[in-house]
PDB file of N, CA and C in Angstrom:
ATOM      1  N   MET A   1     -42.756  29.737  41.520  1.00  0.00           N
ATOM      2  CA  MET A   1     -41.950  28.836  42.031  1.00  0.00           C
ATOM      3  C   MET A   1     -41.588  27.758  40.863  1.00  0.00           C
ATOM      4  N   ALA A   2     -40.607  27.171  40.853  1.00  0.00           N
ATOM      5  CA  ALA A   2     -40.254  26.093  39.807  1.00  0.00           C
ATOM      6  C   ALA A   2     -41.169  24.899  39.775  1.00  0.00           C
ATOM      7  N   ASN A   3     -41.427  24.407  38.735  1.00  0.00           N
ATOM      8  CA  ASN A   3     -42.424  23.164  38.580  1.00  0.00           C
ATOM      9  C   ASN A   3     -41.606  21.838  38.114  1.00  0.00           C
ATOM     10  N   HIS A   4     -40.393  22.008  37.712  1.00  0.00           N
ATOM     11  CA  HIS A   4     -39.602  20.779  37.211  1.00  0.00           C
ATOM     12  C   HIS A   4     -38.629  20.598  38.153  1.00  0.00           C
ATOM     13  N   LYS A   5     -38.240  19.190  38.295  1.00  0.00           N
ATOM     14  CA  LYS A   5     -37.232  18.723  39.267  1.00  0.00           C
ATOM     15  C   LYS A   5     -35.936  19.434  39.001  1.00  0.00           C
ATOM     16  N   SER A   6     -35.649  19.566  37.689  1.00  0.00           N
ATOM     17  CA  SER A   6     -34.298  20.178  37.262  1.00  0.00           C
ATOM     18  C   SER A   6     -34.341  21.603  37.661  1.00  0.00           C
ATOM     19  N   ALA A   7     -35.352  22.382  37.550  1.00  0.00           N
ATOM     20  CA  ALA A   7     -35.436  23.676  37.902  1.00  0.00           C
ATOM     21  C   ALA A   7     -35.291  23.847  39.427  1.00  0.00           C
ATOM     22  N   LEU A   8     -35.903  22.901  40.198  1.00  0.00           N
ATOM     23  CA  LEU A   8     -35.571  23.045  41.636  1.00  0.00           C
ATOM     24  C   LEU A   8     -34.169  22.804  41.913  1.00  0.00           C
ATOM     25  N   LYS A   9     -33.682  21.800  41.334  1.00  0.00           N
ATOM     26  CA  LYS A   9     -32.222  21.561  41.671  1.00  0.00           C
ATOM     27  C   LYS A   9     -31.370  22.664  41.289  1.00  0.00           C
ATOM     28  N   ARG A  10     -31.688  23.318  40.101  1.00  0.00           N
ATOM     29  CA  ARG A  10     -30.892  24.571  39.754  1.00  0.00           C
ATOM     30  C   ARG A  10     -31.110  25.628  40.855  1.00  0.00           C
ATOM     31  N   VAL A  11     -32.120  25.886  41.372  1.00  0.00           N
ATOM     32  CA  VAL A  11     -32.308  26.730  42.326  1.00  0.00           C
ATOM     33  C   VAL A  11     -31.419  26.503  43.578  1.00  0.00           C
ATOM     34  N   ARG A  12     -31.331  25.245  44.012  1.00  0.00           N
ATOM     35  CA  ARG A  12     -30.562  24.913  45.180  1.00  0.00           C
ATOM     36  C   ARG A  12     -29.060  25.121  44.804  1.00  0.00           C
ATOM     37  N   ALA A  13     -28.649  24.632  43.469  1.00  0.00           N
ATOM     38  CA  ALA A  13     -27.353  24.784  43.117  1.00  0.00           C
ATOM     39  C   ALA A  13     -26.971  26.274  43.048  1.00  0.00           C
ATOM     40  N   ASN A  14     -27.721  27.209  42.468  1.00  0.00           N
ATOM     41  CA  ASN A  14     -27.507  28.501  42.469  1.00  0.00           C
ATOM     42  C   ASN A  14     -27.288  29.195  43.850  1.00  0.00           C
ATOM     43  N   GLU A  15     -28.166  28.902  44.661  1.00  0.00           N
ATOM     44  CA  GLU A  15     -28.018  29.359  46.139  1.00  0.00           C
ATOM     45  C   GLU A  15     -26.525  28.995  46.684  1.00  0.00           C
ATOM     46  N   LYS A  16     -26.187  27.719  46.545  1.00  0.00           N
ATOM     47  CA  LYS A  16     -24.946  27.236  47.057  1.00  0.00           C
ATOM     48  C   LYS A  16     -23.693  28.132  46.346  1.00  0.00           C
ATOM     49  N   LYS A  17     -23.706  28.170  45.191  1.00  0.00           N
ATOM     50  CA  LYS A  17     -22.676  28.998  44.337  1.00  0.00           C
ATOM     51  C   LYS A  17     -22.822  30.505  44.822  1.00  0.00           C
ATOM     52  N   ARG A  18     -24.045  31.025  44.969  1.00  0.00           N
ATOM     53  CA  ARG A  18     -24.081  32.470  45.342  1.00  0.00           C
ATOM     54  C   ARG A  18     -23.372  32.681  46.746  1.00  0.00           C
ATOM     55  N   LEU A  19     -23.593  31.825  47.704  1.00  0.00           N
ATOM     56  CA  LEU A  19     -23.149  31.899  49.017  1.00  0.00           C
ATOM     57  C   LEU A  19     -21.482  31.735  48.880  1.00  0.00           C
ATOM     58  N   LEU A  20     -20.993  30.855  48.060  1.00  0.00           N
ATOM     59  CA  LEU A  20     -19.566  30.465  47.936  1.00  0.00           C
ATOM     60  C   LEU A  20     -18.929  31.841  47.409  1.00  0.00           C
ATOM     61  N   ASN A  21     -19.496  32.243  46.312  1.00  0.00           N
ATOM     62  CA  ASN A  21     -18.963  33.509  45.773  1.00  0.00           C
ATOM     63  C   ASN A  21     -18.988  34.673  46.556  1.00  0.00           C
ATOM     64  N   ARG A  22     -20.042  34.825  47.339  1.00  0.00           N
ATOM     65  CA  ARG A  22     -20.075  35.882  48.312  1.00  0.00           C
ATOM     66  C   ARG A  22     -18.983  35.841  49.333  1.00  0.00           C
ATOM     67  N   PHE A  23     -18.816  34.597  49.852  1.00  0.00           N
ATOM     68  CA  PHE A  23     -17.700  34.234  50.856  1.00  0.00           C
ATOM     69  C   PHE A  23     -16.337  34.712  50.364  1.00  0.00           C
ATOM     70  N   GLN A  24     -16.105  34.085  49.058  1.00  0.00           N
ATOM     71  CA  GLN A  24     -14.860  34.330  48.438  1.00  0.00           C
ATOM     72  C   GLN A  24     -14.481  35.920  48.215  1.00  0.00           C
ATOM     73  N   HIS A  25     -15.569  36.551  47.685  1.00  0.00           N
ATOM     74  CA  HIS A  25     -15.368  37.954  47.405  1.00  0.00           C
ATOM     75  C   HIS A  25     -15.234  38.728  48.738  1.00  0.00           C
ATOM     76  N   LYS A  26     -15.998  38.436  49.733  1.00  0.00           N
ATOM     77  CA  LYS A  26     -15.821  39.211  51.018  1.00  0.00           C
ATOM     78  C   LYS A  26     -14.286  38.861  51.687  1.00  0.00           C
ATOM     79  N   THR A  27     -13.917  37.549  51.556  1.00  0.00           N
ATOM     80  CA  THR A  27     -12.589  37.194  52.191  1.00  0.00           C
ATOM     81  C   THR A  27     -11.617  38.024  51.365  1.00  0.00           C
ATOM     82  N   THR A  28     -11.557  38.207  50.109  1.00  0.00           N
ATOM     83  CA  THR A  28     -10.575  38.818  49.295  1.00  0.00           C
ATOM     84  C   THR A  28     -10.569  40.468  49.734  1.00  0.00           C
ATOM     85  N   ARG A  29     -11.629  41.016  49.850  1.00  0.00           N
ATOM     86  CA  ARG A  29     -11.949  42.256  50.190  1.00  0.00           C
ATOM     87  C   ARG A  29     -11.171  42.676  51.686  1.00  0.00           C
ATOM     88  N   THR A  30     -11.512  41.635  52.559  1.00  0.00           N
ATOM     89  CA  THR A  30     -10.822  41.765  53.870  1.00  0.00           C
ATOM     90  C   THR A  30      -9.362  41.788  53.802  1.00  0.00           C
ATOM     91  N   MET A  31      -8.850  40.808  52.874  1.00  0.00           N
ATOM     92  CA  MET A  31      -7.287  40.598  52.706  1.00  0.00           C
ATOM     93  C   MET A  31      -6.745  41.979  52.193  1.00  0.00           C
ATOM     94  N   ILE A  32      -7.516  42.524  51.161  1.00  0.00           N
ATOM     95  CA  ILE A  32      -7.102  43.810  50.532  1.00  0.00           C
ATOM     96  C   ILE A  32      -7.010  44.805  51.639  1.00  0.00           C
ATOM     97  N   LYS A  33      -7.974  45.031  52.455  1.00  0.00           N
ATOM     98  CA  LYS A  33      -7.989  45.981  53.483  1.00  0.00           C
ATOM     99  C   LYS A  33      -6.744  45.855  54.470  1.00  0.00           C
ATOM    100  N   LYS A  34      -6.662  44.554  54.750  1.00  0.00           N
ATOM    101  CA  LYS A  34      -5.356  44.227  55.642  1.00  0.00           C
ATOM    102  C   LYS A  34      -4.060  44.571  55.092  1.00  0.00           C
ATOM    103  N   LEU A  35      -4.018  44.296  53.860  1.00  0.00           N
ATOM    104  CA  LEU A  35      -2.688  44.671  52.942  1.00  0.00           C
ATOM    105  C   LEU A  35      -2.505  46.181  52.961  1.00  0.00           C
ATOM    106  N   ARG A  36      -3.538  46.935  52.899  1.00  0.00           N
ATOM    107  CA  ARG A  36      -3.517  48.460  52.691  1.00  0.00           C
ATOM    108  C   ARG A  36      -2.955  48.983  54.104  1.00  0.00           C
ATOM    109  N   LEU A  37      -3.383  48.371  55.193  1.00  0.00           N
ATOM    110  CA  LEU A  37      -3.031  48.815  56.531  1.00  0.00           C
ATOM    111  C   LEU A  37      -1.637  48.294  56.914  1.00  0.00           C
ATOM    112  N   THR A  38      -0.982  47.374  56.228  1.00  0.00           N
ATOM    113  CA  THR A  38       0.347  46.850  56.483  1.00  0.00           C
ATOM    114  C   THR A  38       1.394  47.813  56.185  1.00  0.00           C
ATOM    115  N   THR A  39       2.276  47.998  57.169  1.00  0.00           N
ATOM    116  CA  THR A  39       3.291  49.152  56.879  1.00  0.00           C
ATOM    117  C   THR A  39       4.747  48.411  56.858  1.00  0.00           C
ATOM    118  N   ASP A  40       4.807  47.191  57.275  1.00  0.00           N
ATOM    119  CA  ASP A  40       5.998  46.388  57.150  1.00  0.00           C
ATOM    120  C   ASP A  40       6.300  45.926  55.646  1.00  0.00           C
ATOM    121  N   LYS A  41       7.257  46.171  55.203  1.00  0.00           N
ATOM    122  CA  LYS A  41       7.582  45.721  53.667  1.00  0.00           C
ATOM    123  C   LYS A  41       7.680  44.345  53.476  1.00  0.00           C
ATOM    124  N   ALA A  42       8.341  43.368  54.377  1.00  0.00           N
ATOM    125  CA  ALA A  42       8.333  41.891  54.105  1.00  0.00           C
ATOM    126  C   ALA A  42       6.928  41.429  54.324  1.00  0.00           C
ATOM    127  N   ALA A  43       6.227  41.890  55.275  1.00  0.00           N
ATOM    128  CA  ALA A  43       4.861  41.227  55.531  1.00  0.00           C
ATOM    129  C   ALA A  43       4.051  41.527  54.336  1.00  0.00           C
ATOM    130  N   ALA A  44       4.154  42.865  53.869  1.00  0.00           N
ATOM    131  CA  ALA A  44       3.280  43.249  52.912  1.00  0.00           C
ATOM    132  C   ALA A  44       3.499  42.532  51.571  1.00  0.00           C
ATOM    133  N   THR A  45       4.848  42.240  51.289  1.00  0.00           N
ATOM    134  CA  THR A  45       5.267  41.507  50.225  1.00  0.00           C
ATOM    135  C   THR A  45       4.563  40.169  50.076  1.00  0.00           C
ATOM    136  N   GLU A  46       4.624  39.291  51.186  1.00  0.00           N
ATOM    137  CA  GLU A  46       4.068  38.068  51.304  1.00  0.00           C
ATOM    138  C   GLU A  46       2.543  38.209  51.168  1.00  0.00           C
ATOM    139  N   LEU A  47       1.930  39.081  51.844  1.00  0.00           N
ATOM    140  CA  LEU A  47       0.546  39.247  51.706  1.00  0.00           C
ATOM    141  C   LEU A  47       0.033  39.489  50.299  1.00  0.00           C
ATOM    142  N   TYR A  48       0.887  40.430  49.547  1.00  0.00           N
ATOM    143  CA  TYR A  48       0.405  40.747  48.205  1.00  0.00           C
ATOM    144  C   TYR A  48       0.405  39.573  47.392  1.00  0.00           C
ATOM    145  N   LYS A  49       1.247  38.636  47.491  1.00  0.00           N
ATOM    146  CA  LYS A  49       1.346  37.307  46.702  1.00  0.00           C
ATOM    147  C   LYS A  49      -0.115  36.541  46.967  1.00  0.00           C
ATOM    148  N   THR A  50      -0.529  36.629  48.166  1.00  0.00           N
ATOM    149  CA  THR A  50      -1.799  35.802  48.517  1.00  0.00           C
ATOM    150  C   THR A  50      -2.906  36.600  47.793  1.00  0.00           C
ATOM    151  N   VAL A  51      -2.904  37.916  48.119  1.00  0.00           N
ATOM    152  CA  VAL A  51      -4.225  38.772  47.542  1.00  0.00           C
ATOM    153  C   VAL A  51      -4.151  38.798  46.135  1.00  0.00           C
ATOM    154  N   SER A  52      -2.888  38.686  45.439  1.00  0.00           N
ATOM    155  CA  SER A  52      -3.067  38.772  44.070  1.00  0.00           C
ATOM    156  C   SER A  52      -3.522  37.516  43.382  1.00  0.00           C
ATOM    157  N   SER A  53      -3.238  36.297  44.064  1.00  0.00           N
ATOM    158  CA  SER A  53      -3.648  35.005  43.698  1.00  0.00           C
ATOM    159  C   SER A  53      -5.139  35.046  43.897  1.00  0.00           C
ATOM    160  N   LEU A  54      -5.624  35.527  44.979  1.00  0.00           N
ATOM    161  CA  LEU A  54      -7.105  35.544  45.251  1.00  0.00           C
ATOM    162  C   LEU A  54      -7.719  36.237  44.202  1.00  0.00           C
ATOM    163  N   LEU A  55      -7.272  37.483  43.809  1.00  0.00           N
ATOM    164  CA  LEU A  55      -7.909  38.336  42.801  1.00  0.00           C
ATOM    165  C   LEU A  55      -7.865  37.634  41.530  1.00  0.00           C
ATOM    166  N   ASP A  56      -6.942  36.855  41.203  1.00  0.00           N
ATOM    167  CA  ASP A  56      -6.731  36.259  39.819  1.00  0.00           C
ATOM    168  C   ASP A  56      -7.790  35.102  39.922  1.00  0.00           C
ATOM    169  N   LYS A  57      -8.093  34.474  40.862  1.00  0.00           N
ATOM    170  CA  LYS A  57      -9.114  33.258  41.004  1.00  0.00           C
ATOM    171  C   LYS A  57     -10.413  33.942  40.984  1.00  0.00           C
ATOM    172  N   LEU A  58     -10.751  35.154  41.552  1.00  0.00           N
ATOM    173  CA  LEU A  58     -12.149  35.721  41.364  1.00  0.00           C
ATOM    174  C   LEU A  58     -12.406  36.161  39.959  1.00  0.00           C
ATOM    175  N   ALA A  59     -11.305  36.658  39.310  1.00  0.00           N
ATOM    176  CA  ALA A  59     -11.527  37.095  37.864  1.00  0.00           C
ATOM    177  C   ALA A  59     -11.555  35.882  36.990  1.00  0.00           C
ATOM    178  N   LYS A  60     -11.060  34.861  37.179  1.00  0.00           N
ATOM    179  CA  LYS A  60     -11.137  33.515  36.503  1.00  0.00           C
ATOM    180  C   LYS A  60     -12.532  33.065  36.452  1.00  0.00           C
ATOM    181  N   ARG A  61     -13.111  33.047  37.649  1.00  0.00           N
ATOM    182  CA  ARG A  61     -14.443  32.584  37.886  1.00  0.00           C
ATOM    183  C   ARG A  61     -15.587  33.625  37.622  1.00  0.00           C
ATOM    184  N   ASN A  62     -15.132  34.698  37.087  1.00  0.00           N
ATOM    185  CA  ASN A  62     -16.151  35.725  36.810  1.00  0.00           C
ATOM    186  C   ASN A  62     -16.929  36.267  38.049  1.00  0.00           C
ATOM    187  N   ILE A  63     -16.328  36.252  39.188  1.00  0.00           N
ATOM    188  CA  ILE A  63     -16.979  36.854  40.380  1.00  0.00           C
ATOM    189  C   ILE A  63     -16.660  38.229  40.282  1.00  0.00           C
ATOM    190  N   ILE A  64     -15.543  38.714  39.886  1.00  0.00           N
ATOM    191  CA  ILE A  64     -15.200  40.179  39.595  1.00  0.00           C
ATOM    192  C   ILE A  64     -14.734  40.164  38.104  1.00  0.00           C
ATOM    193  N   HIS A  65     -14.839  41.440  37.595  1.00  0.00           N
ATOM    194  CA  HIS A  65     -14.338  41.592  36.310  1.00  0.00           C
ATOM    195  C   HIS A  65     -12.688  41.452  36.232  1.00  0.00           C
ATOM    196  N   LYS A  66     -12.145  41.051  35.090  1.00  0.00           N
ATOM    197  CA  LYS A  66     -10.688  40.861  35.102  1.00  0.00           C
ATOM    198  C   LYS A  66      -9.986  42.256  35.164  1.00  0.00           C
ATOM    199  N   ASN A  67     -10.697  43.371  34.456  1.00  0.00           N
ATOM    200  CA  ASN A  67     -10.001  44.612  34.695  1.00  0.00           C
ATOM    201  C   ASN A  67     -10.025  45.116  36.131  1.00  0.00           C
ATOM    202  N   LYS A  68     -11.040  44.763  36.833  1.00  0.00           N
ATOM    203  CA  LYS A  68     -11.119  45.315  38.233  1.00  0.00           C
ATOM    204  C   LYS A  68     -10.001  44.582  39.017  1.00  0.00           C
ATOM    205  N   ALA A  69      -9.792  43.399  38.750  1.00  0.00           N
ATOM    206  CA  ALA A  69      -8.781  42.409  39.473  1.00  0.00           C
ATOM    207  C   ALA A  69      -7.409  43.074  39.005  1.00  0.00           C
ATOM    208  N   ALA A  70      -7.071  43.459  37.688  1.00  0.00           N
ATOM    209  CA  ALA A  70      -5.964  44.057  37.337  1.00  0.00           C
ATOM    210  C   ALA A  70      -5.751  45.454  38.066  1.00  0.00           C
ATOM    211  N   ASN A  71      -6.738  46.196  38.051  1.00  0.00           N
ATOM    212  CA  ASN A  71      -6.541  47.601  38.718  1.00  0.00           C
ATOM    213  C   ASN A  71      -6.260  47.398  40.134  1.00  0.00           C
ATOM    214  N   ASN A  72      -6.968  46.461  40.732  1.00  0.00           N
ATOM    215  CA  ASN A  72      -6.687  46.258  42.323  1.00  0.00           C
ATOM    216  C   ASN A  72      -5.185  45.691  42.506  1.00  0.00           C
ATOM    217  N   LYS A  73      -4.764  44.946  41.656  1.00  0.00           N
ATOM    218  CA  LYS A  73      -3.376  44.370  41.806  1.00  0.00           C
ATOM    219  C   LYS A  73      -2.350  45.482  41.444  1.00  0.00           C
ATOM    220  N   SER A  74      -2.665  46.249  40.527  1.00  0.00           N
ATOM    221  CA  SER A  74      -1.829  47.421  40.271  1.00  0.00           C
ATOM    222  C   SER A  74      -1.555  48.435  41.351  1.00  0.00           C
ATOM    223  N   LYS A  75      -2.728  48.801  41.933  1.00  0.00           N
ATOM    224  CA  LYS A  75      -2.727  49.671  43.087  1.00  0.00           C
ATOM    225  C   LYS A  75      -2.083  49.182  44.210  1.00  0.00           C
ATOM    226  N   LEU A  76      -2.397  47.850  44.524  1.00  0.00           N
ATOM    227  CA  LEU A  76      -1.686  47.170  45.671  1.00  0.00           C
ATOM    228  C   LEU A  76      -0.245  47.000  45.461  1.00  0.00           C
ATOM    229  N   ALA A  77       0.323  46.756  44.282  1.00  0.00           N
ATOM    230  CA  ALA A  77       1.633  46.542  43.986  1.00  0.00           C
ATOM    231  C   ALA A  77       2.456  48.009  44.145  1.00  0.00           C
ATOM    232  N   LYS A  78       1.708  49.104  43.821  1.00  0.00           N
ATOM    233  CA  LYS A  78       2.266  50.443  43.946  1.00  0.00           C
ATOM    234  C   LYS A  78       2.263  50.684  45.409  1.00  0.00           C
ATOM    235  N   HIS A  79       1.301  50.256  46.191  1.00  0.00           N
ATOM    236  CA  HIS A  79       1.321  50.492  47.694  1.00  0.00           C
ATOM    237  C   HIS A  79       2.570  49.649  48.212  1.00  0.00           C
ATOM    238  N   VAL A  80       2.707  48.468  47.958  1.00  0.00           N
ATOM    239  CA  VAL A  80       3.795  47.696  48.534  1.00  0.00           C
ATOM    240  C   VAL A  80       5.147  48.111  48.103  1.00  0.00           C
ATOM    241  N   ASN A  81       5.329  48.626  46.870  1.00  0.00           N
ATOM    242  CA  ASN A  81       6.581  49.132  46.329  1.00  0.00           C
ATOM    243  C   ASN A  81       6.945  50.370  47.089  1.00  0.00           C
ATOM    244  N   GLY A  82       5.851  51.203  47.377  1.00  0.00           N
ATOM    245  CA  GLY A  82       6.217  52.541  48.087  1.00  0.00           C
ATOM    246  C   GLY A  82       6.500  52.384  49.440  1.00  0.00           C
ATOM    247  N   LEU A  83       6.282  51.167  50.042  1.00  0.00           N
ATOM    248  CA  LEU A  83       6.709  51.006  51.481  1.00  0.00           C
ATOM    249  C   LEU A  83       8.178  50.997  51.699  1.00  0.00           C
ATOM    250  N   ALA A  84       8.988  50.550  50.589  1.00  0.00           N
ATOM    251  CA  ALA A  84      10.505  50.709  50.795  1.00  0.00           C
ATOM    252  C   ALA A  84      11.025  52.037  50.912  1.00  0.00           C
ATOM    253  N   ILE A  85      10.341  52.965  50.203  1.00  0.00           N
ATOM    254  CA  ILE A  85      10.560  54.445  50.486  1.00  0.00           C
ATOM    255  C   ILE A  85      10.614  55.052  51.802  1.00  0.00           C
ATOM    256  N   ALA A  86       9.359  54.787  52.313  1.00  0.00           N
ATOM    257  CA  ALA A  86       8.987  55.171  53.534  1.00  0.00           C
ATOM    258  C   ALA A  86       9.745  54.435  54.685  1.00  0.00           C
ATOM    259  N   ALA A  87      10.113  53.156  54.487  1.00  0.00           N
ATOM    260  CA  ALA A  87      10.861  52.652  55.648  1.00  0.00           C
ATOM    261  C   ALA A  87      12.242  52.777  55.654  1.00  0.00           C
TER     262      ALA A  87
END
């Protein structure tokens, strides 16, 4: 265990950050699943804007890799654009 006050503080801070990162990552994954299940073009377009923003924020904060965010956004955009053909 840590012996210095600064090390103990770092342990507490890291735990808080870990929980926040976990929450944000899980929330984004849930939104992605919700978007993939959406069949309405208008609703999907609005949801895509939100999900895209969340992915960018996760990538900016190094919670996920920037290429993973780009790949997810690309696949989701393809899904949303494909809804017009089906509807």
